[in-house]
Amino acid sequence: MTKSFVTVALLLLALVPRGGISAAQDNQPWGASYFPNVPLVTQDGKTVRFYDDLIKDKRVLVNFIFTRCTDICPLATAKLLQVQKLLGPRVGRDIFIYSITLDPEFDTPETLKTYAARYGVSGPGWLFLTGSRKDIDAVRFKLGERRDKTEHPNIVRLGNGVNGQWMRLPLSGDLNLLVSEIGKTLDPNWYAGKPVKNFAEAPRREYPEEAQVLLREQALFRDRCAICHTMGNGDYLGPDLKGVAARRGRAWLTRYLVEPDKMRVNKDPIALELAKRYKVLMPNLQLTQAEVLDLVDYLEAHGKKP
C-alpha cells in the first residue's frame, strides 16, 4: 500500500462533525441544508442544480480543474480517464464524475467541451461544469477547496449523497488502489464472494532485490506515465514510448522529465514539436531525483525497439 493511501483516514474533509459522518437528510450536515443548490452549466450547455441534480441520492467523484492549467490538471484528468475506464459501466449508472472549473471567467461550456474532447472523454456520467464566480466559489468552499486555482491539490472527493459520507483521495497514487478505494467506498456491490477476513493471513511473496527494483519502476511508469502513454501500442494522449531512449538519449529524457515546462519556454525544438503534435502538454510531474532515475532506467531497459 502506498504512503498516500495510508493517510486516507487523515484526509477526511475537515467539515465532518465530531460525532461522525451524518446521514444526508435535509436537516443534517452534508445534505440539502449544507450544500449550495446553485445553478451550474455542463459542457453541453445544460443548466443543472448542484445539490438537487448532481449530489442528491447519487454517488459521485468531484475534482477541480481549469483548462489553462499546465501542471496538476492534465495529470488529474488523464488519471480520472483511466479511473473511468476501469470502473466501466458503473460510471453513469452507479457513479458520476464531476470536474468543476476554478476559472469560470475563461472556461465557458464550449471551452470545457473542447477540453474534454482533447482527452477523449466519452460516454455518460462525466460532466465538466462551469458557472458564475459567485456560485463556483460557493461550491468549492463547501467542498473544502479554498486555495488559489494554481495551488489546488491533486485530489478527488468521493461523495455518497445517499448516506452523507464524504472523503478525499490523492490522484497521484497507485491507479488500481485508487479504483479499488473508490469502488469499495461508493459501490455496495463492489466485492463478490467471500471477503478476506484477516490481512495477516494473506500470503506473502519475497522478491530478490533486482525484482523489487523492477516492480518499483513498473509501478512508477504505470502511475505517472501510462495514463498518457503506451509502450508499443501506439500514440495515446502522448507519444508511444517504445524506443524513446534510443530516439532522445538519456540526458534529454532526464531533463524533460524534470522540467518539460521550462524546456518549452526555452524553445527546445523537440519539446516544441511534441507540444505542437499532441493535444495534451507534458506536465511537470514534480518527480524526485530517485523517481527520475528509475523512470529513465525503465525507459532504457524496456523501451527499446524489438
C-alpha atoms as a PDB file:
ATOM      1  CA  MET A   1       0.000   0.000   0.000  1.00  0.00           C
ATOM      2  CA  THR A   2       1.368   3.402  -0.929  1.00  0.00           C
ATOM      3  CA  LYS A   3       2.054   6.094   1.611  1.00  0.00           C
ATOM      4  CA  SER A   4      -0.672   8.254   0.039  1.00  0.00           C
ATOM      5  CA  PHE A   5      -3.362   5.736   0.890  1.00  0.00           C
ATOM      6  CA  VAL A   6      -2.072   5.065   4.380  1.00  0.00           C
ATOM      7  CA  THR A   7      -3.131   8.634   5.127  1.00  0.00           C
ATOM      8  CA  VAL A   8      -6.607   8.335   3.615  1.00  0.00           C
ATOM      9  CA  ALA A   9      -8.233   8.406   7.026  1.00  0.00           C
ATOM     10  CA  LEU A  10      -6.455  11.664   7.747  1.00  0.00           C
ATOM     11  CA  LEU A  11      -7.769  13.225   4.573  1.00  0.00           C
ATOM     12  CA  LEU A  12     -11.423  13.252   5.568  1.00  0.00           C
ATOM     13  CA  LEU A  13     -12.791  16.685   4.935  1.00  0.00           C
ATOM     14  CA  ALA A  14     -12.395  18.881   7.980  1.00  0.00           C
ATOM     15  CA  LEU A  15     -16.056  19.749   7.905  1.00  0.00           C
ATOM     16  CA  VAL A  16     -17.180  16.314   9.146  1.00  0.00           C
ATOM     17  CA  PRO A  17     -18.925  16.775  12.519  1.00  0.00           C
ATOM     18  CA  ARG A  18     -17.234  15.453  15.670  1.00  0.00           C
ATOM     19  CA  GLY A  19     -19.911  12.853  16.268  1.00  0.00           C
ATOM     20  CA  GLY A  20     -19.228  11.079  12.962  1.00  0.00           C
ATOM     21  CA  ILE A  21     -20.498  11.244   9.402  1.00  0.00           C
ATOM     22  CA  SER A  22     -24.172  12.050   9.340  1.00  0.00           C
ATOM     23  CA  ALA A  23     -26.898  10.780   7.112  1.00  0.00           C
ATOM     24  CA  ALA A  24     -27.697  13.079   4.233  1.00  0.00           C
ATOM     25  CA  GLN A  25     -31.057  14.248   5.499  1.00  0.00           C
ATOM     26  CA  ASP A  26     -32.300  17.728   4.690  1.00  0.00           C
ATOM     27  CA  ASN A  27     -31.777  18.925   8.256  1.00  0.00           C
ATOM     28  CA  GLN A  28     -28.385  17.238   8.762  1.00  0.00           C
ATOM     29  CA  PRO A  29     -24.831  18.141   7.706  1.00  0.00           C
ATOM     30  CA  TRP A  30     -23.839  17.006   4.214  1.00  0.00           C
ATOM     31  CA  GLY A  31     -27.404  17.204   2.978  1.00  0.00           C
ATOM     32  CA  ALA A  32     -29.581  19.875   1.400  1.00  0.00           C
ATOM     33  CA  SER A  33     -29.000  22.202   4.322  1.00  0.00           C
ATOM     34  CA  TYR A  34     -25.240  22.120   3.759  1.00  0.00           C
ATOM     35  CA  PHE A  35     -24.614  22.091   0.015  1.00  0.00           C
ATOM     36  CA  PRO A  36     -25.487  25.147  -2.082  1.00  0.00           C
ATOM     37  CA  ASN A  37     -28.142  24.330  -4.651  1.00  0.00           C
ATOM     38  CA  VAL A  38     -26.697  26.833  -7.109  1.00  0.00           C
ATOM     39  CA  PRO A  39     -27.015  26.538 -10.891  1.00  0.00           C
ATOM     40  CA  LEU A  40     -24.034  25.211 -12.833  1.00  0.00           C
ATOM     41  CA  VAL A  41     -23.680  24.666 -16.568  1.00  0.00           C
ATOM     42  CA  THR A  42     -22.378  21.492 -18.207  1.00  0.00           C
ATOM     43  CA  GLN A  43     -20.035  21.292 -21.177  1.00  0.00           C
ATOM     44  CA  ASP A  44     -23.158  20.737 -23.312  1.00  0.00           C
ATOM     45  CA  GLY A  45     -24.756  23.986 -22.129  1.00  0.00           C
ATOM     46  CA  LYS A  46     -27.330  22.350 -19.864  1.00  0.00           C
ATOM     47  CA  THR A  47     -28.113  24.118 -16.564  1.00  0.00           C
ATOM     48  CA  VAL A  48     -28.209  21.840 -13.507  1.00  0.00           C
ATOM     49  CA  ARG A  49     -28.629  22.418  -9.783  1.00  0.00           C
ATOM     50  CA  PHE A  50     -25.597  21.404  -7.745  1.00  0.00           C
ATOM     51  CA  TYR A  51     -27.386  19.567  -4.952  1.00  0.00           C
ATOM     52  CA  ASP A  52     -30.719  18.535  -6.476  1.00  0.00           C
ATOM     53  CA  ASP A  53     -29.320  17.290  -9.797  1.00  0.00           C
ATOM     54  CA  LEU A  54     -25.720  16.323  -9.055  1.00  0.00           C
ATOM     55  CA  ILE A  55     -25.416  15.234  -5.410  1.00  0.00           C
ATOM     56  CA  LYS A  56     -28.769  14.161  -4.000  1.00  0.00           C
ATOM     57  CA  ASP A  57     -29.136  10.362  -3.934  1.00  0.00           C
ATOM     58  CA  LYS A  58     -26.008   9.921  -6.074  1.00  0.00           C
ATOM     59  CA  ARG A  59     -22.506   8.532  -5.570  1.00  0.00           C
ATOM     60  CA  VAL A  60     -20.002  10.933  -7.048  1.00  0.00           C
ATOM     61  CA  LEU A  61     -16.367  11.811  -7.714  1.00  0.00           C
ATOM     62  CA  VAL A  62     -15.638  15.547  -7.707  1.00  0.00           C
ATOM     63  CA  ASN A  63     -12.420  17.320  -8.621  1.00  0.00           C
ATOM     64  CA  PHE A  64     -11.455  20.859  -9.589  1.00  0.00           C
ATOM     65  CA  ILE A  65      -9.589  21.782 -12.761  1.00  0.00           C
ATOM     66  CA  PHE A  66      -9.161  24.677 -15.158  1.00  0.00           C
ATOM     67  CA  THR A  67      -8.378  24.331 -18.836  1.00  0.00           C
ATOM     68  CA  ARG A  68      -5.385  26.686 -18.911  1.00  0.00           C
ATOM     69  CA  CYS A  69      -3.653  24.705 -16.158  1.00  0.00           C
ATOM     70  CA  THR A  70      -0.417  23.063 -17.347  1.00  0.00           C
ATOM     71  CA  ASP A  71       0.621  21.407 -14.088  1.00  0.00           C
ATOM     72  CA  ILE A  72      -1.771  19.325 -11.991  1.00  0.00           C
ATOM     73  CA  CYS A  73      -4.932  19.396 -14.111  1.00  0.00           C
ATOM     74  CA  PRO A  74      -3.678  17.470 -17.176  1.00  0.00           C
ATOM     75  CA  LEU A  75      -2.402  14.708 -14.919  1.00  0.00           C
ATOM     76  CA  ALA A  76      -5.614  14.641 -12.888  1.00  0.00           C
ATOM     77  CA  THR A  77      -7.862  14.495 -15.955  1.00  0.00           C
ATOM     78  CA  ALA A  78      -5.772  11.746 -17.541  1.00  0.00           C
ATOM     79  CA  LYS A  79      -5.857   9.769 -14.282  1.00  0.00           C
ATOM     80  CA  LEU A  80      -9.631  10.120 -13.962  1.00  0.00           C
ATOM     81  CA  LEU A  81      -9.954   8.955 -17.558  1.00  0.00           C
ATOM     82  CA  GLN A  82      -8.222   5.713 -16.552  1.00  0.00           C
ATOM     83  CA  VAL A  83     -10.436   5.506 -13.463  1.00  0.00           C
ATOM     84  CA  GLN A  84     -13.499   5.864 -15.697  1.00  0.00           C
ATOM     85  CA  LYS A  85     -12.291   3.031 -17.922  1.00  0.00           C
ATOM     86  CA  LEU A  86     -11.593   0.704 -15.012  1.00  0.00           C
ATOM     87  CA  LEU A  87     -14.935   1.436 -13.354  1.00  0.00           C
ATOM     88  CA  GLY A  88     -16.579   0.614 -16.660  1.00  0.00           C
ATOM     89  CA  PRO A  89     -20.382   0.771 -16.920  1.00  0.00           C
ATOM     90  CA  ARG A  90     -20.647   1.831 -13.271  1.00  0.00           C
ATOM     91  CA  VAL A  91     -19.870   5.386 -14.441  1.00  0.00           C
ATOM     92  CA  GLY A  92     -23.121   6.996 -15.498  1.00  0.00           C
ATOM     93  CA  ARG A  93     -25.147   4.308 -13.753  1.00  0.00           C
ATOM     94  CA  ASP A  94     -23.898   3.962 -10.167  1.00  0.00           C
ATOM     95  CA  ILE A  95     -21.097   6.545 -10.006  1.00  0.00           C
ATOM     96  CA  PHE A  96     -20.868  10.012 -11.548  1.00  0.00           C
ATOM     97  CA  ILE A  97     -17.785  12.160 -12.165  1.00  0.00           C
ATOM     98  CA  TYR A  98     -17.826  15.974 -11.961  1.00  0.00           C
ATOM     99  CA  SER A  99     -14.885  18.191 -12.925  1.00  0.00           C
ATOM    100  CA  ILE A 100     -15.598  21.764 -11.839  1.00  0.00           C
ATOM    101  CA  THR A 101     -13.618  24.683 -13.223  1.00  0.00           C
ATOM    102  CA  LEU A 102     -11.767  27.093 -10.958  1.00  0.00           C
ATOM    103  CA  ASP A 103     -11.613  29.612 -13.813  1.00  0.00           C
ATOM    104  CA  PRO A 104     -15.254  30.207 -14.801  1.00  0.00           C
ATOM    105  CA  GLU A 105     -14.479  33.572 -16.411  1.00  0.00           C
ATOM    106  CA  PHE A 106     -12.483  31.761 -19.113  1.00  0.00           C
ATOM    107  CA  ASP A 107     -13.900  28.227 -19.057  1.00  0.00           C
ATOM    108  CA  THR A 108     -17.160  28.515 -20.953  1.00  0.00           C
ATOM    109  CA  PRO A 109     -19.195  25.385 -21.732  1.00  0.00           C
ATOM    110  CA  GLU A 110     -17.649  25.385 -25.210  1.00  0.00           C
ATOM    111  CA  THR A 111     -14.139  25.597 -23.775  1.00  0.00           C
ATOM    112  CA  LEU A 112     -14.844  22.741 -21.375  1.00  0.00           C
ATOM    113  CA  LYS A 113     -16.296  20.633 -24.171  1.00  0.00           C
ATOM    114  CA  THR A 114     -13.142  21.145 -26.223  1.00  0.00           C
ATOM    115  CA  TYR A 115     -11.042  20.255 -23.187  1.00  0.00           C
ATOM    116  CA  ALA A 116     -12.990  17.026 -22.592  1.00  0.00           C
ATOM    117  CA  ALA A 117     -12.661  16.079 -26.265  1.00  0.00           C
ATOM    118  CA  ARG A 118      -8.911  16.683 -26.133  1.00  0.00           C
ATOM    119  CA  TYR A 119      -8.626  13.883 -23.579  1.00  0.00           C
ATOM    120  CA  GLY A 120     -11.071  11.611 -25.321  1.00  0.00           C
ATOM    121  CA  VAL A 121     -13.649  11.745 -22.544  1.00  0.00           C
ATOM    122  CA  SER A 122     -16.752   9.970 -23.789  1.00  0.00           C
ATOM    123  CA  GLY A 123     -19.726   8.060 -22.539  1.00  0.00           C
ATOM    124  CA  PRO A 124     -22.249   9.053 -19.892  1.00  0.00           C
ATOM    125  CA  GLY A 125     -21.582  10.095 -16.343  1.00  0.00           C
ATOM    126  CA  TRP A 126     -18.717  12.614 -16.568  1.00  0.00           C
ATOM    127  CA  LEU A 127     -19.687  16.282 -16.523  1.00  0.00           C
ATOM    128  CA  PHE A 128     -17.405  19.308 -16.840  1.00  0.00           C
ATOM    129  CA  LEU A 129     -19.047  22.213 -15.067  1.00  0.00           C
ATOM    130  CA  THR A 130     -18.828  25.995 -15.028  1.00  0.00           C
ATOM    131  CA  GLY A 131     -20.991  28.824 -13.717  1.00  0.00           C
ATOM    132  CA  SER A 132     -20.752  32.270 -12.208  1.00  0.00           C
ATOM    133  CA  ARG A 133     -17.781  33.109  -9.999  1.00  0.00           C
ATOM    134  CA  LYS A 134     -20.085  33.506  -7.002  1.00  0.00           C
ATOM    135  CA  ASP A 135     -21.692  30.089  -7.483  1.00  0.00           C
ATOM    136  CA  ILE A 136     -18.414  28.296  -8.213  1.00  0.00           C
ATOM    137  CA  ASP A 137     -16.893  29.796  -5.064  1.00  0.00           C
ATOM    138  CA  ALA A 138     -19.894  28.688  -3.011  1.00  0.00           C
ATOM    139  CA  VAL A 139     -19.475  25.101  -4.200  1.00  0.00           C
ATOM    140  CA  ARG A 140     -15.724  24.886  -3.808  1.00  0.00           C
ATOM    141  CA  PHE A 141     -15.822  26.456  -0.341  1.00  0.00           C
ATOM    142  CA  LYS A 142     -18.268  23.799   0.878  1.00  0.00           C
ATOM    143  CA  LEU A 143     -16.069  21.070  -0.600  1.00  0.00           C
ATOM    144  CA  GLY A 144     -13.017  22.372   1.230  1.00  0.00           C
ATOM    145  CA  GLU A 145     -11.277  23.873  -1.819  1.00  0.00           C
ATOM    146  CA  ARG A 146     -10.123  27.312  -0.670  1.00  0.00           C
ATOM    147  CA  ARG A 147      -6.714  27.811  -2.269  1.00  0.00           C
ATOM    148  CA  ASP A 148      -5.820  29.838  -5.318  1.00  0.00           C
ATOM    149  CA  LYS A 149      -6.541  27.961  -8.542  1.00  0.00           C
ATOM    150  CA  THR A 150      -2.835  27.498  -9.279  1.00  0.00           C
ATOM    151  CA  GLU A 151      -2.278  25.892  -5.873  1.00  0.00           C
ATOM    152  CA  HIS A 152      -5.192  23.471  -5.692  1.00  0.00           C
ATOM    153  CA  PRO A 153      -4.229  19.936  -4.630  1.00  0.00           C
ATOM    154  CA  ASN A 154      -4.321  16.916  -6.917  1.00  0.00           C
ATOM    155  CA  ILE A 155      -7.161  15.117  -5.147  1.00  0.00           C
ATOM    156  CA  VAL A 156     -10.597  13.764  -5.878  1.00  0.00           C
ATOM    157  CA  ARG A 157     -13.526  13.909  -3.477  1.00  0.00           C
ATOM    158  CA  LEU A 158     -15.682  10.822  -3.025  1.00  0.00           C
ATOM    159  CA  GLY A 159     -19.248  11.628  -2.042  1.00  0.00           C
ATOM    160  CA  ASN A 160     -22.186   9.428  -1.205  1.00  0.00           C
ATOM    161  CA  GLY A 161     -25.323  11.542  -1.452  1.00  0.00           C
ATOM    162  CA  VAL A 162     -27.375   8.618  -0.176  1.00  0.00           C
ATOM    163  CA  ASN A 163     -25.817   8.351   3.292  1.00  0.00           C
ATOM    164  CA  GLY A 164     -23.819  11.580   3.502  1.00  0.00           C
ATOM    165  CA  GLN A 165     -20.325  10.056   3.572  1.00  0.00           C
ATOM    166  CA  TRP A 166     -17.523  12.154   2.069  1.00  0.00           C
ATOM    167  CA  MET A 167     -13.782  11.653   1.849  1.00  0.00           C
ATOM    168  CA  ARG A 168     -10.941  12.621  -0.447  1.00  0.00           C
ATOM    169  CA  LEU A 169      -8.141  10.674  -2.088  1.00  0.00           C
ATOM    170  CA  PRO A 170      -4.920  11.706  -3.843  1.00  0.00           C
ATOM    171  CA  LEU A 171      -4.878  11.266  -7.612  1.00  0.00           C
ATOM    172  CA  SER A 172      -1.124  10.768  -7.670  1.00  0.00           C
ATOM    173  CA  GLY A 173      -1.095   7.283  -6.167  1.00  0.00           C
ATOM    174  CA  ASP A 174      -1.419   3.748  -7.487  1.00  0.00           C
ATOM    175  CA  LEU A 175      -4.201   3.582 -10.080  1.00  0.00           C
ATOM    176  CA  ASN A 176      -5.531   0.147  -9.138  1.00  0.00           C
ATOM    177  CA  LEU A 177      -5.552   1.014  -5.454  1.00  0.00           C
ATOM    178  CA  LEU A 178      -7.350   4.277  -6.227  1.00  0.00           C
ATOM    179  CA  VAL A 179     -10.040   2.469  -8.224  1.00  0.00           C
ATOM    180  CA  SER A 180     -10.407  -0.162  -5.509  1.00  0.00           C
ATOM    181  CA  GLU A 181     -10.833   2.525  -2.846  1.00  0.00           C
ATOM    182  CA  ILE A 182     -13.442   4.310  -4.976  1.00  0.00           C
ATOM    183  CA  GLY A 183     -15.287   1.099  -5.704  1.00  0.00           C
ATOM    184  CA  LYS A 184     -15.491  -0.226  -2.180  1.00  0.00           C
ATOM    185  CA  THR A 185     -16.477   3.230  -0.856  1.00  0.00           C
ATOM    186  CA  LEU A 186     -19.176   4.052  -3.413  1.00  0.00           C
ATOM    187  CA  ASP A 187     -20.398   0.742  -4.813  1.00  0.00           C
ATOM    188  CA  PRO A 188     -22.120  -1.581  -2.304  1.00  0.00           C
ATOM    189  CA  ASN A 189     -21.774  -4.430  -4.826  1.00  0.00           C
ATOM    190  CA  TRP A 190     -18.050  -3.930  -5.404  1.00  0.00           C
ATOM    191  CA  TYR A 191     -16.967  -7.196  -3.780  1.00  0.00           C
ATOM    192  CA  ALA A 192     -18.173 -10.591  -4.866  1.00  0.00           C
ATOM    193  CA  GLY A 193     -17.662 -13.852  -2.999  1.00  0.00           C
ATOM    194  CA  LYS A 194     -16.164 -14.307   0.433  1.00  0.00           C
ATOM    195  CA  PRO A 195     -14.009 -11.387   1.607  1.00  0.00           C
ATOM    196  CA  VAL A 196     -10.590 -11.837   3.179  1.00  0.00           C
ATOM    197  CA  LYS A 197     -11.053 -11.844   6.955  1.00  0.00           C
ATOM    198  CA  ASN A 198      -7.568 -11.014   8.141  1.00  0.00           C
ATOM    199  CA  PHE A 199      -4.782  -9.193   6.312  1.00  0.00           C
ATOM    200  CA  ALA A 200      -2.209 -11.019   8.450  1.00  0.00           C
ATOM    201  CA  GLU A 201      -3.356 -14.296   6.892  1.00  0.00           C
ATOM    202  CA  ALA A 202      -2.742 -13.059   3.342  1.00  0.00           C
ATOM    203  CA  PRO A 203       0.104 -14.907   1.568  1.00  0.00           C
ATOM    204  CA  ARG A 204       3.478 -13.178   1.310  1.00  0.00           C
ATOM    205  CA  ARG A 205       5.966 -13.413  -1.535  1.00  0.00           C
ATOM    206  CA  GLU A 206       9.607 -12.475  -1.222  1.00  0.00           C
ATOM    207  CA  TYR A 207      11.302 -10.932  -4.258  1.00  0.00           C
ATOM    208  CA  PRO A 208      15.027 -10.655  -4.947  1.00  0.00           C
ATOM    209  CA  GLU A 209      16.416  -7.123  -4.925  1.00  0.00           C
ATOM    210  CA  GLU A 210      16.544  -6.890  -8.736  1.00  0.00           C
ATOM    211  CA  ALA A 211      12.880  -7.858  -8.976  1.00  0.00           C
ATOM    212  CA  GLN A 212      11.948  -5.294  -6.340  1.00  0.00           C
ATOM    213  CA  VAL A 213      13.646  -2.563  -8.365  1.00  0.00           C
ATOM    214  CA  LEU A 214      11.808  -3.676 -11.493  1.00  0.00           C
ATOM    215  CA  LEU A 215       8.465  -3.733  -9.697  1.00  0.00           C
ATOM    216  CA  ARG A 216       9.100  -0.249  -8.330  1.00  0.00           C
ATOM    217  CA  GLU A 217       9.984   1.066 -11.789  1.00  0.00           C
ATOM    218  CA  GLN A 218       6.952  -0.623 -13.344  1.00  0.00           C
ATOM    219  CA  ALA A 219       4.639   0.877 -10.746  1.00  0.00           C
ATOM    220  CA  LEU A 220       6.156   4.322 -11.267  1.00  0.00           C
ATOM    221  CA  PHE A 221       5.742   4.082 -15.041  1.00  0.00           C
ATOM    222  CA  ARG A 222       2.168   2.826 -14.677  1.00  0.00           C
ATOM    223  CA  ASP A 223       1.078   5.557 -12.263  1.00  0.00           C
ATOM    224  CA  ARG A 224       2.919   8.540 -13.769  1.00  0.00           C
ATOM    225  CA  CYS A 225       3.396   7.737 -17.461  1.00  0.00           C
ATOM    226  CA  ALA A 226       0.936   5.082 -18.624  1.00  0.00           C
ATOM    227  CA  ILE A 227      -2.061   7.329 -18.024  1.00  0.00           C
ATOM    228  CA  CYS A 228      -0.964   9.268 -21.138  1.00  0.00           C
ATOM    229  CA  HIS A 229       1.483   6.950 -22.956  1.00  0.00           C
ATOM    230  CA  THR A 230       1.723   3.360 -24.155  1.00  0.00           C
ATOM    231  CA  MET A 231       4.775   1.170 -24.553  1.00  0.00           C
ATOM    232  CA  GLY A 232       4.435  -0.281 -28.030  1.00  0.00           C
ATOM    233  CA  ASN A 233       0.691   0.149 -28.564  1.00  0.00           C
ATOM    234  CA  GLY A 234       0.767   3.427 -30.478  1.00  0.00           C
ATOM    235  CA  ASP A 235       0.220   7.054 -29.578  1.00  0.00           C
ATOM    236  CA  TYR A 236      -2.368   7.942 -26.943  1.00  0.00           C
ATOM    237  CA  LEU A 237      -2.613  11.330 -25.217  1.00  0.00           C
ATOM    238  CA  GLY A 238       1.139  11.469 -25.711  1.00  0.00           C
ATOM    239  CA  PRO A 239       3.606   9.594 -27.944  1.00  0.00           C
ATOM    240  CA  ASP A 240       4.281   5.868 -27.815  1.00  0.00           C
ATOM    241  CA  LEU A 241       7.381   5.466 -25.617  1.00  0.00           C
ATOM    242  CA  LYS A 242       8.689   2.323 -27.306  1.00  0.00           C
ATOM    243  CA  GLY A 243      12.204   3.169 -28.415  1.00  0.00           C
ATOM    244  CA  VAL A 244      12.164   6.637 -26.845  1.00  0.00           C
ATOM    245  CA  ALA A 245      15.512   6.089 -25.102  1.00  0.00           C
ATOM    246  CA  ALA A 246      17.179   5.457 -28.450  1.00  0.00           C
ATOM    247  CA  ARG A 247      15.462   8.435 -30.089  1.00  0.00           C
ATOM    248  CA  ARG A 248      16.121  11.017 -27.394  1.00  0.00           C
ATOM    249  CA  GLY A 249      19.074   9.907 -25.304  1.00  0.00           C
ATOM    250  CA  ARG A 250      19.454   9.779 -21.538  1.00  0.00           C
ATOM    251  CA  ALA A 251      20.419  13.425 -20.950  1.00  0.00           C
ATOM    252  CA  TRP A 252      17.435  14.812 -22.879  1.00  0.00           C
ATOM    253  CA  LEU A 253      14.991  12.357 -21.271  1.00  0.00           C
ATOM    254  CA  THR A 254      16.232  13.246 -17.799  1.00  0.00           C
ATOM    255  CA  ARG A 255      15.852  16.970 -18.370  1.00  0.00           C
ATOM    256  CA  TYR A 256      12.425  16.549 -19.979  1.00  0.00           C
ATOM    257  CA  LEU A 257      11.141  14.516 -17.046  1.00  0.00           C
ATOM    258  CA  VAL A 258      12.377  17.204 -14.645  1.00  0.00           C
ATOM    259  CA  GLU A 259      11.284  20.395 -16.410  1.00  0.00           C
ATOM    260  CA  PRO A 260       9.198  19.956 -19.581  1.00  0.00           C
ATOM    261  CA  ASP A 261       7.560  23.343 -18.999  1.00  0.00           C
ATOM    262  CA  LYS A 262      10.902  25.159 -18.876  1.00  0.00           C
ATOM    263  CA  MET A 263      12.096  23.359 -21.985  1.00  0.00           C
ATOM    264  CA  ARG A 264       9.100  24.687 -23.903  1.00  0.00           C
ATOM    265  CA  VAL A 265       9.727  28.202 -22.585  1.00  0.00           C
ATOM    266  CA  ASN A 266      13.382  27.909 -23.637  1.00  0.00           C
ATOM    267  CA  LYS A 267      12.230  26.765 -27.088  1.00  0.00           C
ATOM    268  CA  ASP A 268      13.786  23.321 -27.075  1.00  0.00           C
ATOM    269  CA  PRO A 269      12.934  22.135 -30.615  1.00  0.00           C
ATOM    270  CA  ILE A 270      11.892  18.619 -29.610  1.00  0.00           C
ATOM    271  CA  ALA A 271       9.742  19.868 -26.717  1.00  0.00           C
ATOM    272  CA  LEU A 272       8.049  22.395 -29.016  1.00  0.00           C
ATOM    273  CA  GLU A 273       7.429  19.748 -31.679  1.00  0.00           C
ATOM    274  CA  LEU A 274       5.826  17.446 -29.107  1.00  0.00           C
ATOM    275  CA  ALA A 275       3.647  20.303 -27.836  1.00  0.00           C
ATOM    276  CA  LYS A 276       2.535  21.042 -31.393  1.00  0.00           C
ATOM    277  CA  ARG A 277       1.884  17.420 -32.303  1.00  0.00           C
ATOM    278  CA  TYR A 278      -0.043  16.227 -29.243  1.00  0.00           C
ATOM    279  CA  LYS A 279      -3.170  17.721 -27.738  1.00  0.00           C
ATOM    280  CA  VAL A 280      -2.095  17.342 -24.108  1.00  0.00           C
ATOM    281  CA  LEU A 281       1.060  19.099 -22.940  1.00  0.00           C
ATOM    282  CA  MET A 282       3.543  17.117 -20.890  1.00  0.00           C
ATOM    283  CA  PRO A 283       3.072  18.437 -17.318  1.00  0.00           C
ATOM    284  CA  ASN A 284       5.739  18.889 -14.706  1.00  0.00           C
ATOM    285  CA  LEU A 285       5.322  15.686 -12.684  1.00  0.00           C
ATOM    286  CA  GLN A 286       7.205  17.023  -9.647  1.00  0.00           C
ATOM    287  CA  LEU A 287       9.339  13.889  -9.594  1.00  0.00           C
ATOM    288  CA  THR A 288      12.023  13.241  -7.037  1.00  0.00           C
ATOM    289  CA  GLN A 289      15.610  12.568  -8.119  1.00  0.00           C
ATOM    290  CA  ALA A 290      15.186   8.859  -7.410  1.00  0.00           C
ATOM    291  CA  GLU A 291      11.958   8.721  -9.434  1.00  0.00           C
ATOM    292  CA  VAL A 292      13.596  10.418 -12.424  1.00  0.00           C
ATOM    293  CA  LEU A 293      16.465   7.930 -12.375  1.00  0.00           C
ATOM    294  CA  ASP A 294      14.064   4.991 -12.044  1.00  0.00           C
ATOM    295  CA  LEU A 295      11.966   6.170 -14.987  1.00  0.00           C
ATOM    296  CA  VAL A 296      14.963   6.776 -17.237  1.00  0.00           C
ATOM    297  CA  ASP A 297      16.346   3.345 -16.343  1.00  0.00           C
ATOM    298  CA  TYR A 298      12.961   1.790 -17.090  1.00  0.00           C
ATOM    299  CA  LEU A 299      12.674   3.549 -20.456  1.00  0.00           C
ATOM    300  CA  GLU A 300      16.177   2.477 -21.421  1.00  0.00           C
ATOM    301  CA  ALA A 301      15.636  -1.122 -20.357  1.00  0.00           C
ATOM    302  CA  HIS A 302      12.065  -1.651 -21.574  1.00  0.00           C
ATOM    303  CA  GLY A 303      11.563   0.990 -24.248  1.00  0.00           C
ATOM    304  CA  LYS A 304      13.935  -0.464 -26.808  1.00  0.00           C
ATOM    305  CA  LYS A 305      12.681  -1.327 -30.247  1.00  0.00           C
ATOM    306  CA  PRO A 306      12.495  -5.095 -30.904  1.00  0.00           C
END
